[in-house]
């Protein structure tokens, strides 16, 4: 479960699920078709009590869950913990990707070299966007949840340095001009190597948990899997913390039980939904929110035909009016109508 947000005050709690008996036997990397939509719950305000009540309502459909995977957003965390106290067979697993991002944030947010590096990368993106060097532009840096994807920025720095080190261009590019725009990366060669080592430790741990899940004593296997992912003080410190974290999480698993340790499938689905919306995101939540459930299903022509017959457009409008009300776009139209009216 997680919240997805748009423009405006609304947020939507999204809950998807899979039965334990349906978990893949080998690879636990779930696809969108593996999970089922349980709830889409738009709200204008959320706290722990609201999340708890939302969870209680979902068990009318599903029964009490064995586990809930989520992040540590204050309202999410408070609501799930209260739910687990009430239903003690349910355990709360903290998503491994978010844990890795928290550790990276702690290590990097006060690192002066990192701050200067990200600032220079942002400036470089502007300098090359209207030139033939656009292919060498750094990836966009998020303003929110930026530490979830910092590995892409570090990899970009490493790739450009490797290209510049060749000293030869087979693409008809002016190397002198490239060095003018991108040569500043040479100053960060040592730091990029250290950051790359750190990212490798975190990504290897995340990949391990995504693939095999959480089970008793899995921290021993994790330690073996990431023991050769680089070696410096910062990477070793984060490695030890990740192993300790996974060991604590594994205490939730019963003997011979495997639990999910990643909410990756939900994060991916939220990303797909935002791609599907395109410019509609500027209007806040619309009735397109219901498409989120549709692309989690195994879609066939028969299923689509049945759905179209079962759910008329009127029902969609009624759901939107009840759950969301007035969209940002409709509020904007109403404002403009008043603002531009004359006597």
C-alpha atoms as a PDB file:
ATOM      1  CA  UNK A   1       0.000   0.000   0.000  1.00  0.00           C
ATOM      2  CA  UNK A   2       1.049   3.573  -0.666  1.00  0.00           C
ATOM      3  CA  UNK A   3      -0.288   7.039  -1.324  1.00  0.00           C
ATOM      4  CA  UNK A   4      -0.196   8.613  -4.755  1.00  0.00           C
ATOM      5  CA  UNK A   5      -0.627  12.373  -5.020  1.00  0.00           C
ATOM      6  CA  UNK A   6      -1.579  14.861  -7.743  1.00  0.00           C
ATOM      7  CA  UNK A   7      -2.007  18.602  -7.977  1.00  0.00           C
ATOM      8  CA  UNK A   8      -4.453  19.865  -5.396  1.00  0.00           C
ATOM      9  CA  UNK A   9      -5.103  18.697  -1.839  1.00  0.00           C
ATOM     10  CA  UNK A  10      -6.228  15.140  -2.626  1.00  0.00           C
ATOM     11  CA  UNK A  11      -4.179  12.010  -2.217  1.00  0.00           C
ATOM     12  CA  UNK A  12      -5.254   8.460  -2.900  1.00  0.00           C
ATOM     13  CA  UNK A  13      -4.433   5.395  -0.828  1.00  0.00           C
ATOM     14  CA  UNK A  14      -3.771   2.497  -3.199  1.00  0.00           C
ATOM     15  CA  UNK A  15      -3.866  -1.071  -1.912  1.00  0.00           C
ATOM     16  CA  UNK A  16      -3.059  -4.077  -4.074  1.00  0.00           C
ATOM     17  CA  UNK A  17      -2.727  -7.664  -2.957  1.00  0.00           C
ATOM     18  CA  UNK A  18      -1.729 -11.200  -3.786  1.00  0.00           C
ATOM     19  CA  UNK A  19      -2.632 -14.412  -2.019  1.00  0.00           C
ATOM     20  CA  UNK A  20       0.246 -16.175  -0.284  1.00  0.00           C
ATOM     21  CA  UNK A  21      -0.603 -19.331  -2.169  1.00  0.00           C
ATOM     22  CA  UNK A  22      -0.127 -17.448  -5.458  1.00  0.00           C
ATOM     23  CA  UNK A  23       3.375 -16.168  -4.733  1.00  0.00           C
ATOM     24  CA  UNK A  24       5.921 -17.342  -7.345  1.00  0.00           C
ATOM     25  CA  UNK A  25       7.923 -20.334  -6.153  1.00  0.00           C
ATOM     26  CA  UNK A  26      11.310 -19.008  -7.309  1.00  0.00           C
ATOM     27  CA  UNK A  27      11.447 -15.324  -8.335  1.00  0.00           C
ATOM     28  CA  UNK A  28       9.374 -12.959  -6.189  1.00  0.00           C
ATOM     29  CA  UNK A  29       9.535 -10.117  -8.716  1.00  0.00           C
ATOM     30  CA  UNK A  30       5.820  -9.563  -9.136  1.00  0.00           C
ATOM     31  CA  UNK A  31       4.257  -8.198 -12.323  1.00  0.00           C
ATOM     32  CA  UNK A  32       1.162  -5.999 -12.582  1.00  0.00           C
ATOM     33  CA  UNK A  33      -0.899  -9.038 -13.563  1.00  0.00           C
ATOM     34  CA  UNK A  34       0.199 -10.943 -10.436  1.00  0.00           C
ATOM     35  CA  UNK A  35      -1.576  -8.562  -8.056  1.00  0.00           C
ATOM     36  CA  UNK A  36      -5.208  -7.610  -7.619  1.00  0.00           C
ATOM     37  CA  UNK A  37      -6.583  -4.135  -6.868  1.00  0.00           C
ATOM     38  CA  UNK A  38      -8.035  -4.094  -3.363  1.00  0.00           C
ATOM     39  CA  UNK A  39      -8.847  -0.423  -2.786  1.00  0.00           C
ATOM     40  CA  UNK A  40      -8.592   3.067  -4.302  1.00  0.00           C
ATOM     41  CA  UNK A  41      -9.400   5.536  -1.535  1.00  0.00           C
ATOM     42  CA  UNK A  42      -9.144   9.249  -2.413  1.00  0.00           C
ATOM     43  CA  UNK A  43      -8.965  11.588   0.602  1.00  0.00           C
ATOM     44  CA  UNK A  44      -8.235  15.260   1.199  1.00  0.00           C
ATOM     45  CA  UNK A  45      -6.740  14.547   4.616  1.00  0.00           C
ATOM     46  CA  UNK A  46      -4.941  11.503   5.990  1.00  0.00           C
ATOM     47  CA  UNK A  47      -3.512  10.459   9.340  1.00  0.00           C
ATOM     48  CA  UNK A  48      -2.863   7.232  11.191  1.00  0.00           C
ATOM     49  CA  UNK A  49      -6.466   6.882  12.371  1.00  0.00           C
ATOM     50  CA  UNK A  50      -7.822   7.315   8.842  1.00  0.00           C
ATOM     51  CA  UNK A  51      -5.379   4.786   7.378  1.00  0.00           C
ATOM     52  CA  UNK A  52      -6.297   2.313  10.135  1.00  0.00           C
ATOM     53  CA  UNK A  53     -10.020   2.660   9.336  1.00  0.00           C
ATOM     54  CA  UNK A  54      -9.299   2.239   5.619  1.00  0.00           C
ATOM     55  CA  UNK A  55      -7.407  -0.977   6.330  1.00  0.00           C
ATOM     56  CA  UNK A  56     -10.167  -2.327   8.549  1.00  0.00           C
ATOM     57  CA  UNK A  57     -12.675  -1.824   5.736  1.00  0.00           C
ATOM     58  CA  UNK A  58     -10.526  -3.747   3.261  1.00  0.00           C
ATOM     59  CA  UNK A  59     -10.620  -6.958   5.310  1.00  0.00           C
ATOM     60  CA  UNK A  60     -14.345  -7.216   4.554  1.00  0.00           C
ATOM     61  CA  UNK A  61     -13.186  -8.117   1.028  1.00  0.00           C
ATOM     62  CA  UNK A  62      -9.973 -10.014   1.686  1.00  0.00           C
ATOM     63  CA  UNK A  63      -9.911 -11.293   5.232  1.00  0.00           C
ATOM     64  CA  UNK A  64      -7.066 -10.339   7.572  1.00  0.00           C
ATOM     65  CA  UNK A  65      -3.795 -10.090   5.612  1.00  0.00           C
ATOM     66  CA  UNK A  66      -0.680 -12.023   6.600  1.00  0.00           C
ATOM     67  CA  UNK A  67       1.548  -9.045   5.846  1.00  0.00           C
ATOM     68  CA  UNK A  68       1.460  -5.433   4.692  1.00  0.00           C
ATOM     69  CA  UNK A  69       4.354  -3.920   2.751  1.00  0.00           C
ATOM     70  CA  UNK A  70       4.712  -0.150   2.774  1.00  0.00           C
ATOM     71  CA  UNK A  71       6.982   2.783   3.487  1.00  0.00           C
ATOM     72  CA  UNK A  72       7.364   4.741   6.729  1.00  0.00           C
ATOM     73  CA  UNK A  73       5.285   7.777   5.777  1.00  0.00           C
ATOM     74  CA  UNK A  74       3.913   9.018   9.136  1.00  0.00           C
ATOM     75  CA  UNK A  75       0.227   8.301   8.434  1.00  0.00           C
ATOM     76  CA  UNK A  76       0.950   4.990   6.671  1.00  0.00           C
ATOM     77  CA  UNK A  77       3.257   3.808   9.467  1.00  0.00           C
ATOM     78  CA  UNK A  78       0.936   4.840  12.273  1.00  0.00           C
ATOM     79  CA  UNK A  79      -2.111   3.265  10.629  1.00  0.00           C
ATOM     80  CA  UNK A  80      -0.410  -0.045   9.810  1.00  0.00           C
ATOM     81  CA  UNK A  81       1.154  -0.389  13.261  1.00  0.00           C
ATOM     82  CA  UNK A  82      -2.224   0.163  14.901  1.00  0.00           C
ATOM     83  CA  UNK A  83      -3.766  -2.406  12.565  1.00  0.00           C
ATOM     84  CA  UNK A  84      -1.049  -4.956  13.427  1.00  0.00           C
ATOM     85  CA  UNK A  85      -1.646  -4.454  17.138  1.00  0.00           C
ATOM     86  CA  UNK A  86      -5.322  -5.212  16.566  1.00  0.00           C
ATOM     87  CA  UNK A  87      -4.686  -8.149  14.214  1.00  0.00           C
ATOM     88  CA  UNK A  88      -1.561  -9.772  15.557  1.00  0.00           C
ATOM     89  CA  UNK A  89      -1.171 -12.337  12.777  1.00  0.00           C
ATOM     90  CA  UNK A  90      -0.441  -9.453  10.381  1.00  0.00           C
ATOM     91  CA  UNK A  91       3.144  -8.228  10.147  1.00  0.00           C
ATOM     92  CA  UNK A  92       4.419  -4.922   8.773  1.00  0.00           C
ATOM     93  CA  UNK A  93       7.349  -5.140   6.348  1.00  0.00           C
ATOM     94  CA  UNK A  94       9.214  -1.956   5.462  1.00  0.00           C
ATOM     95  CA  UNK A  95       9.900  -1.759   1.730  1.00  0.00           C
ATOM     96  CA  UNK A  96      13.614  -2.434   1.108  1.00  0.00           C
ATOM     97  CA  UNK A  97      13.896   0.262  -1.594  1.00  0.00           C
ATOM     98  CA  UNK A  98      12.712   2.952   0.794  1.00  0.00           C
ATOM     99  CA  UNK A  99      15.097   1.686   3.478  1.00  0.00           C
ATOM    100  CA  UNK A 100      17.986   1.940   1.022  1.00  0.00           C
ATOM    101  CA  UNK A 101      16.904   5.467   0.044  1.00  0.00           C
ATOM    102  CA  UNK A 102      16.831   6.544   3.702  1.00  0.00           C
ATOM    103  CA  UNK A 103      20.405   5.305   4.197  1.00  0.00           C
ATOM    104  CA  UNK A 104      21.584   7.047   1.022  1.00  0.00           C
ATOM    105  CA  UNK A 105      19.935  10.288   2.118  1.00  0.00           C
ATOM    106  CA  UNK A 106      21.716  10.134   5.453  1.00  0.00           C
ATOM    107  CA  UNK A 107      25.075   9.545   3.784  1.00  0.00           C
ATOM    108  CA  UNK A 108      24.724  12.120   1.012  1.00  0.00           C
ATOM    109  CA  UNK A 109      22.505  15.009   2.068  1.00  0.00           C
ATOM    110  CA  UNK A 110      25.312  16.751   4.007  1.00  0.00           C
ATOM    111  CA  UNK A 111      28.130  15.677   1.680  1.00  0.00           C
ATOM    112  CA  UNK A 112      29.435  18.956   0.199  1.00  0.00           C
ATOM    113  CA  UNK A 113      30.938  17.184  -2.821  1.00  0.00           C
ATOM    114  CA  UNK A 114      27.605  15.505  -3.540  1.00  0.00           C
ATOM    115  CA  UNK A 115      25.708  18.784  -3.254  1.00  0.00           C
ATOM    116  CA  UNK A 116      28.095  20.526  -5.667  1.00  0.00           C
ATOM    117  CA  UNK A 117      27.995  17.528  -8.031  1.00  0.00           C
ATOM    118  CA  UNK A 118      24.185  17.555  -8.253  1.00  0.00           C
ATOM    119  CA  UNK A 119      24.138  21.321  -8.744  1.00  0.00           C
ATOM    120  CA  UNK A 120      26.679  21.092 -11.561  1.00  0.00           C
ATOM    121  CA  UNK A 121      24.695  18.263 -13.168  1.00  0.00           C
ATOM    122  CA  UNK A 122      21.522  20.380 -13.108  1.00  0.00           C
ATOM    123  CA  UNK A 123      23.387  23.294 -14.722  1.00  0.00           C
ATOM    124  CA  UNK A 124      24.842  20.969 -17.361  1.00  0.00           C
ATOM    125  CA  UNK A 125      21.372  19.736 -18.302  1.00  0.00           C
ATOM    126  CA  UNK A 126      20.375  23.318 -19.154  1.00  0.00           C
ATOM    127  CA  UNK A 127      23.581  24.001 -21.071  1.00  0.00           C
ATOM    128  CA  UNK A 128      23.319  21.010 -23.407  1.00  0.00           C
ATOM    129  CA  UNK A 129      19.572  20.729 -23.931  1.00  0.00           C
ATOM    130  CA  UNK A 130      19.588  22.782 -27.154  1.00  0.00           C
ATOM    131  CA  UNK A 131      22.876  21.385 -28.527  1.00  0.00           C
ATOM    132  CA  UNK A 132      24.166  18.244 -30.241  1.00  0.00           C
ATOM    133  CA  UNK A 133      25.379  17.108 -26.803  1.00  0.00           C
ATOM    134  CA  UNK A 134      21.840  16.502 -25.569  1.00  0.00           C
ATOM    135  CA  UNK A 135      22.484  12.729 -25.636  1.00  0.00           C
ATOM    136  CA  UNK A 136      25.032  13.329 -22.846  1.00  0.00           C
ATOM    137  CA  UNK A 137      22.606  15.241 -20.612  1.00  0.00           C
ATOM    138  CA  UNK A 138      22.284  13.955 -17.038  1.00  0.00           C
ATOM    139  CA  UNK A 139      19.026  12.278 -15.948  1.00  0.00           C
ATOM    140  CA  UNK A 140      16.401  14.523 -14.414  1.00  0.00           C
ATOM    141  CA  UNK A 141      16.730  14.913 -10.669  1.00  0.00           C
ATOM    142  CA  UNK A 142      13.523  14.524  -8.706  1.00  0.00           C
ATOM    143  CA  UNK A 143      12.508  17.187  -6.248  1.00  0.00           C
ATOM    144  CA  UNK A 144      10.680  14.538  -4.220  1.00  0.00           C
ATOM    145  CA  UNK A 145      11.944  11.054  -3.327  1.00  0.00           C
ATOM    146  CA  UNK A 146      15.203  11.960  -5.058  1.00  0.00           C
ATOM    147  CA  UNK A 147      17.238   9.395  -3.123  1.00  0.00           C
ATOM    148  CA  UNK A 148      15.181   6.590  -4.676  1.00  0.00           C
ATOM    149  CA  UNK A 149      17.010   7.072  -8.003  1.00  0.00           C
ATOM    150  CA  UNK A 150      20.382   8.679  -7.296  1.00  0.00           C
ATOM    151  CA  UNK A 151      22.132   5.624  -8.751  1.00  0.00           C
ATOM    152  CA  UNK A 152      21.169   6.816 -12.246  1.00  0.00           C
ATOM    153  CA  UNK A 153      22.952  10.133 -11.730  1.00  0.00           C
ATOM    154  CA  UNK A 154      26.111   8.438 -10.467  1.00  0.00           C
ATOM    155  CA  UNK A 155      26.050   5.987 -13.370  1.00  0.00           C
ATOM    156  CA  UNK A 156      25.714   8.912 -15.770  1.00  0.00           C
ATOM    157  CA  UNK A 157      28.821  10.532 -14.309  1.00  0.00           C
ATOM    158  CA  UNK A 158      30.766   7.284 -14.627  1.00  0.00           C
ATOM    159  CA  UNK A 159      29.628   6.731 -18.226  1.00  0.00           C
ATOM    160  CA  UNK A 160      30.548  10.250 -19.361  1.00  0.00           C
ATOM    161  CA  UNK A 161      33.961   9.998 -17.698  1.00  0.00           C
ATOM    162  CA  UNK A 162      34.599   6.704 -19.471  1.00  0.00           C
ATOM    163  CA  UNK A 163      33.664   8.304 -22.782  1.00  0.00           C
ATOM    164  CA  UNK A 164      35.886  11.333 -22.218  1.00  0.00           C
ATOM    165  CA  UNK A 165      38.788   9.107 -21.180  1.00  0.00           C
ATOM    166  CA  UNK A 166      38.797   7.512 -24.640  1.00  0.00           C
ATOM    167  CA  UNK A 167      39.921  10.840 -26.102  1.00  0.00           C
ATOM    168  CA  UNK A 168      38.404   9.880 -29.459  1.00  0.00           C
ATOM    169  CA  UNK A 169      34.940  10.571 -30.811  1.00  0.00           C
ATOM    170  CA  UNK A 170      33.433   8.298 -33.459  1.00  0.00           C
ATOM    171  CA  UNK A 171      30.227  10.291 -33.535  1.00  0.00           C
ATOM    172  CA  UNK A 172      31.442  13.456 -35.213  1.00  0.00           C
ATOM    173  CA  UNK A 173      31.348  15.309 -31.896  1.00  0.00           C
ATOM    174  CA  UNK A 174      33.816  18.028 -30.952  1.00  0.00           C
ATOM    175  CA  UNK A 175      35.752  16.676 -27.957  1.00  0.00           C
ATOM    176  CA  UNK A 176      36.975  20.164 -27.074  1.00  0.00           C
ATOM    177  CA  UNK A 177      33.369  21.331 -26.804  1.00  0.00           C
ATOM    178  CA  UNK A 178      32.456  18.208 -24.831  1.00  0.00           C
ATOM    179  CA  UNK A 179      35.192  18.943 -22.321  1.00  0.00           C
ATOM    180  CA  UNK A 180      33.979  22.533 -22.017  1.00  0.00           C
ATOM    181  CA  UNK A 181      30.508  21.342 -21.062  1.00  0.00           C
ATOM    182  CA  UNK A 182      31.265  18.069 -19.289  1.00  0.00           C
ATOM    183  CA  UNK A 183      34.922  18.219 -18.295  1.00  0.00           C
ATOM    184  CA  UNK A 184      34.036  19.315 -14.761  1.00  0.00           C
ATOM    185  CA  UNK A 185      33.313  15.638 -14.071  1.00  0.00           C
ATOM    186  CA  UNK A 186      37.079  14.956 -13.932  1.00  0.00           C
ATOM    187  CA  UNK A 187      37.158  16.824 -10.606  1.00  0.00           C
ATOM    188  CA  UNK A 188      34.774  14.249  -9.134  1.00  0.00           C
ATOM    189  CA  UNK A 189      36.438  11.076 -10.408  1.00  0.00           C
ATOM    190  CA  UNK A 190      37.394   9.786  -6.958  1.00  0.00           C
ATOM    191  CA  UNK A 191      34.060  10.746  -5.401  1.00  0.00           C
ATOM    192  CA  UNK A 192      32.092   9.117  -8.226  1.00  0.00           C
ATOM    193  CA  UNK A 193      33.997   5.907  -7.591  1.00  0.00           C
ATOM    194  CA  UNK A 194      33.129   6.054  -3.889  1.00  0.00           C
ATOM    195  CA  UNK A 195      29.477   6.870  -4.588  1.00  0.00           C
ATOM    196  CA  UNK A 196      29.307   4.063  -7.119  1.00  0.00           C
ATOM    197  CA  UNK A 197      30.540   1.611  -4.472  1.00  0.00           C
ATOM    198  CA  UNK A 198      27.891   2.850  -2.061  1.00  0.00           C
ATOM    199  CA  UNK A 199      25.137   2.540  -4.678  1.00  0.00           C
ATOM    200  CA  UNK A 200      26.303  -0.957  -5.556  1.00  0.00           C
ATOM    201  CA  UNK A 201      25.917  -2.114  -1.953  1.00  0.00           C
ATOM    202  CA  UNK A 202      22.414  -0.673  -1.663  1.00  0.00           C
ATOM    203  CA  UNK A 203      21.225  -1.864  -5.070  1.00  0.00           C
ATOM    204  CA  UNK A 204      22.586  -5.370  -4.483  1.00  0.00           C
ATOM    205  CA  UNK A 205      20.723  -5.610  -1.176  1.00  0.00           C
ATOM    206  CA  UNK A 206      17.521  -4.293  -2.766  1.00  0.00           C
ATOM    207  CA  UNK A 207      17.835  -6.753  -5.646  1.00  0.00           C
ATOM    208  CA  UNK A 208      18.386  -9.650  -3.225  1.00  0.00           C
ATOM    209  CA  UNK A 209      15.224  -8.913  -1.234  1.00  0.00           C
ATOM    210  CA  UNK A 210      13.180  -8.270  -4.370  1.00  0.00           C
ATOM    211  CA  UNK A 211      14.217 -11.635  -5.777  1.00  0.00           C
ATOM    212  CA  UNK A 212      14.051 -14.014  -2.812  1.00  0.00           C
ATOM    213  CA  UNK A 213      11.936 -12.181  -0.237  1.00  0.00           C
ATOM    214  CA  UNK A 214      12.202 -12.240   3.541  1.00  0.00           C
ATOM    215  CA  UNK A 215      12.635 -15.546   5.370  1.00  0.00           C
ATOM    216  CA  UNK A 216      14.276 -16.831   8.545  1.00  0.00           C
ATOM    217  CA  UNK A 217      18.034 -16.237   8.575  1.00  0.00           C
ATOM    218  CA  UNK A 218      17.982 -14.638   5.109  1.00  0.00           C
ATOM    219  CA  UNK A 219      20.401 -12.009   6.431  1.00  0.00           C
ATOM    220  CA  UNK A 220      23.132 -14.686   6.323  1.00  0.00           C
ATOM    221  CA  UNK A 221      22.498 -15.218   2.616  1.00  0.00           C
ATOM    222  CA  UNK A 222      22.343 -11.457   2.074  1.00  0.00           C
ATOM    223  CA  UNK A 223      25.720 -10.975   3.741  1.00  0.00           C
ATOM    224  CA  UNK A 224      27.234 -13.483   1.317  1.00  0.00           C
ATOM    225  CA  UNK A 225      25.515 -11.856  -1.653  1.00  0.00           C
ATOM    226  CA  UNK A 226      26.869  -8.344  -0.980  1.00  0.00           C
ATOM    227  CA  UNK A 227      30.243  -9.065   0.631  1.00  0.00           C
ATOM    228  CA  UNK A 228      32.142  -8.179  -2.564  1.00  0.00           C
ATOM    229  CA  UNK A 229      30.216  -5.073  -3.590  1.00  0.00           C
ATOM    230  CA  UNK A 230      33.045  -2.665  -2.844  1.00  0.00           C
ATOM    231  CA  UNK A 231      35.022  -1.753   0.206  1.00  0.00           C
ATOM    232  CA  UNK A 232      35.288   1.643   1.880  1.00  0.00           C
ATOM    233  CA  UNK A 233      34.188   2.951   5.260  1.00  0.00           C
ATOM    234  CA  UNK A 234      30.879   4.405   4.133  1.00  0.00           C
ATOM    235  CA  UNK A 235      29.897   1.398   2.035  1.00  0.00           C
ATOM    236  CA  UNK A 236      30.837  -0.982   4.864  1.00  0.00           C
ATOM    237  CA  UNK A 237      28.741   0.999   7.337  1.00  0.00           C
ATOM    238  CA  UNK A 238      25.678   0.899   5.082  1.00  0.00           C
ATOM    239  CA  UNK A 239      26.260  -2.795   4.306  1.00  0.00           C
ATOM    240  CA  UNK A 240      26.227  -3.636   8.021  1.00  0.00           C
ATOM    241  CA  UNK A 241      23.030  -1.636   8.584  1.00  0.00           C
ATOM    242  CA  UNK A 242      21.229  -3.312   5.685  1.00  0.00           C
ATOM    243  CA  UNK A 243      22.171  -6.766   6.956  1.00  0.00           C
ATOM    244  CA  UNK A 244      20.944  -5.842  10.454  1.00  0.00           C
ATOM    245  CA  UNK A 245      17.711  -4.408   9.023  1.00  0.00           C
ATOM    246  CA  UNK A 246      16.964  -7.539   6.988  1.00  0.00           C
ATOM    247  CA  UNK A 247      17.755  -9.715  10.010  1.00  0.00           C
ATOM    248  CA  UNK A 248      15.155  -7.810  12.072  1.00  0.00           C
ATOM    249  CA  UNK A 249      12.590  -8.042   9.269  1.00  0.00           C
ATOM    250  CA  UNK A 250      13.156 -11.791   8.972  1.00  0.00           C
ATOM    251  CA  UNK A 251      11.918 -12.298  12.539  1.00  0.00           C
ATOM    252  CA  UNK A 252       8.403 -11.686  11.170  1.00  0.00           C
ATOM    253  CA  UNK A 253       8.583 -14.819   9.009  1.00  0.00           C
ATOM    254  CA  UNK A 254       7.399 -18.135  10.355  1.00  0.00           C
ATOM    255  CA  UNK A 255       9.574 -21.222   9.809  1.00  0.00           C
ATOM    256  CA  UNK A 256       9.523 -22.232   6.121  1.00  0.00           C
ATOM    257  CA  UNK A 257       7.594 -19.061   5.228  1.00  0.00           C
ATOM    258  CA  UNK A 258       8.661 -16.486   2.639  1.00  0.00           C
ATOM    259  CA  UNK A 259       7.357 -12.918   2.879  1.00  0.00           C
ATOM    260  CA  UNK A 260       7.527 -10.104   0.362  1.00  0.00           C
ATOM    261  CA  UNK A 261      10.112  -7.454   1.168  1.00  0.00           C
ATOM    262  CA  UNK A 262       9.434  -5.012  -1.653  1.00  0.00           C
ATOM    263  CA  UNK A 263       6.525  -2.879  -2.828  1.00  0.00           C
ATOM    264  CA  UNK A 264       8.203  -2.491  -6.228  1.00  0.00           C
ATOM    265  CA  UNK A 265       5.175  -3.763  -8.139  1.00  0.00           C
ATOM    266  CA  UNK A 266       2.998  -1.010  -6.640  1.00  0.00           C
ATOM    267  CA  UNK A 267       5.602   1.706  -7.261  1.00  0.00           C
ATOM    268  CA  UNK A 268       5.777   0.522 -10.863  1.00  0.00           C
ATOM    269  CA  UNK A 269       1.996   0.581 -11.220  1.00  0.00           C
ATOM    270  CA  UNK A 270       1.813   4.126  -9.846  1.00  0.00           C
ATOM    271  CA  UNK A 271       4.469   5.162 -12.364  1.00  0.00           C
ATOM    272  CA  UNK A 272       2.499   3.541 -15.182  1.00  0.00           C
ATOM    273  CA  UNK A 273      -0.654   5.336 -14.066  1.00  0.00           C
ATOM    274  CA  UNK A 274       1.093   8.731 -14.158  1.00  0.00           C
ATOM    275  CA  UNK A 275       2.428   7.964 -17.635  1.00  0.00           C
ATOM    276  CA  UNK A 276      -1.083   7.042 -18.755  1.00  0.00           C
ATOM    277  CA  UNK A 277      -2.477  10.323 -17.429  1.00  0.00           C
ATOM    278  CA  UNK A 278       0.008  12.542 -19.305  1.00  0.00           C
ATOM    279  CA  UNK A 279      -1.360  16.107 -19.295  1.00  0.00           C
ATOM    280  CA  UNK A 280      -4.422  15.131 -17.252  1.00  0.00           C
ATOM    281  CA  UNK A 281      -2.186  15.152 -14.184  1.00  0.00           C
ATOM    282  CA  UNK A 282      -2.514  18.959 -14.296  1.00  0.00           C
ATOM    283  CA  UNK A 283      -6.193  18.571 -13.445  1.00  0.00           C
ATOM    284  CA  UNK A 284      -5.573  16.618 -10.265  1.00  0.00           C
ATOM    285  CA  UNK A 285      -7.429  13.330  -9.838  1.00  0.00           C
ATOM    286  CA  UNK A 286     -10.052  12.606 -12.475  1.00  0.00           C
ATOM    287  CA  UNK A 287     -12.195   9.571 -13.190  1.00  0.00           C
ATOM    288  CA  UNK A 288      -9.134   8.166 -14.993  1.00  0.00           C
ATOM    289  CA  UNK A 289      -8.043   7.074 -11.509  1.00  0.00           C
ATOM    290  CA  UNK A 290     -10.192   3.970 -12.065  1.00  0.00           C
ATOM    291  CA  UNK A 291      -7.912   2.910 -14.926  1.00  0.00           C
ATOM    292  CA  UNK A 292      -5.368   2.028 -12.234  1.00  0.00           C
ATOM    293  CA  UNK A 293      -7.376  -1.075 -11.405  1.00  0.00           C
ATOM    294  CA  UNK A 294      -7.885  -1.981 -15.053  1.00  0.00           C
ATOM    295  CA  UNK A 295      -4.243  -2.373 -15.966  1.00  0.00           C
ATOM    296  CA  UNK A 296      -3.615  -4.641 -12.993  1.00  0.00           C
ATOM    297  CA  UNK A 297      -5.909  -7.221 -14.533  1.00  0.00           C
ATOM    298  CA  UNK A 298      -5.264  -9.847 -17.179  1.00  0.00           C
ATOM    299  CA  UNK A 299      -6.987  -8.063 -20.032  1.00  0.00           C
ATOM    300  CA  UNK A 300      -8.722  -9.949 -22.828  1.00  0.00           C
ATOM    301  CA  UNK A 301     -11.322  -8.904 -25.376  1.00  0.00           C
ATOM    302  CA  UNK A 302     -13.956 -10.889 -23.470  1.00  0.00           C
ATOM    303  CA  UNK A 303     -13.023  -9.207 -20.182  1.00  0.00           C
ATOM    304  CA  UNK A 304     -13.233  -5.754 -21.754  1.00  0.00           C
ATOM    305  CA  UNK A 305     -16.604  -6.546 -23.360  1.00  0.00           C
ATOM    306  CA  UNK A 306     -17.984  -7.830 -20.057  1.00  0.00           C
ATOM    307  CA  UNK A 307     -16.707  -4.756 -18.209  1.00  0.00           C
ATOM    308  CA  UNK A 308     -18.206  -2.334 -20.719  1.00  0.00           C
ATOM    309  CA  UNK A 309     -21.584  -4.035 -20.364  1.00  0.00           C
ATOM    310  CA  UNK A 310     -21.421  -4.235 -16.571  1.00  0.00           C
ATOM    311  CA  UNK A 311     -20.246  -0.690 -15.824  1.00  0.00           C
ATOM    312  CA  UNK A 312     -21.968   2.127 -17.728  1.00  0.00           C
ATOM    313  CA  UNK A 313     -20.380   5.567 -17.980  1.00  0.00           C
ATOM    314  CA  UNK A 314     -23.000   6.861 -15.540  1.00  0.00           C
ATOM    315  CA  UNK A 315     -21.492   4.666 -12.805  1.00  0.00           C
ATOM    316  CA  UNK A 316     -18.048   6.126 -13.455  1.00  0.00           C
ATOM    317  CA  UNK A 317     -19.386   9.675 -13.046  1.00  0.00           C
ATOM    318  CA  UNK A 318     -21.262   8.709  -9.877  1.00  0.00           C
ATOM    319  CA  UNK A 319     -18.107   7.167  -8.368  1.00  0.00           C
ATOM    320  CA  UNK A 320     -16.074  10.270  -9.222  1.00  0.00           C
ATOM    321  CA  UNK A 321     -18.673  12.625  -7.764  1.00  0.00           C
ATOM    322  CA  UNK A 322     -18.880  10.610  -4.547  1.00  0.00           C
ATOM    323  CA  UNK A 323     -15.159   9.911  -4.028  1.00  0.00           C
ATOM    324  CA  UNK A 324     -13.410  12.948  -5.505  1.00  0.00           C
ATOM    325  CA  UNK A 325     -15.967  15.664  -6.179  1.00  0.00           C
ATOM    326  CA  UNK A 326     -14.703  18.658  -8.121  1.00  0.00           C
ATOM    327  CA  UNK A 327     -11.442  18.283 -10.036  1.00  0.00           C
ATOM    328  CA  UNK A 328      -8.763  20.982 -10.107  1.00  0.00           C
ATOM    329  CA  UNK A 329      -9.686  21.690 -13.737  1.00  0.00           C
ATOM    330  CA  UNK A 330     -13.372  22.193 -12.953  1.00  0.00           C
ATOM    331  CA  UNK A 331     -12.464  24.442 -10.020  1.00  0.00           C
ATOM    332  CA  UNK A 332     -10.239  26.439 -12.374  1.00  0.00           C
ATOM    333  CA  UNK A 333     -13.094  26.824 -14.879  1.00  0.00           C
ATOM    334  CA  UNK A 334     -15.447  28.001 -12.145  1.00  0.00           C
ATOM    335  CA  UNK A 335     -12.886  30.531 -10.912  1.00  0.00           C
ATOM    336  CA  UNK A 336     -12.285  31.896 -14.411  1.00  0.00           C
ATOM    337  CA  UNK A 337     -16.011  32.154 -15.083  1.00  0.00           C
ATOM    338  CA  UNK A 338     -16.432  34.406 -12.053  1.00  0.00           C
ATOM    339  CA  UNK A 339     -13.210  36.323 -12.619  1.00  0.00           C
ATOM    340  CA  UNK A 340     -14.044  37.139 -16.247  1.00  0.00           C
ATOM    341  CA  UNK A 341     -17.730  37.836 -15.826  1.00  0.00           C
ATOM    342  CA  UNK A 342     -19.011  41.394 -16.397  1.00  0.00           C
ATOM    343  CA  UNK A 343     -22.067  43.180 -15.075  1.00  0.00           C
END
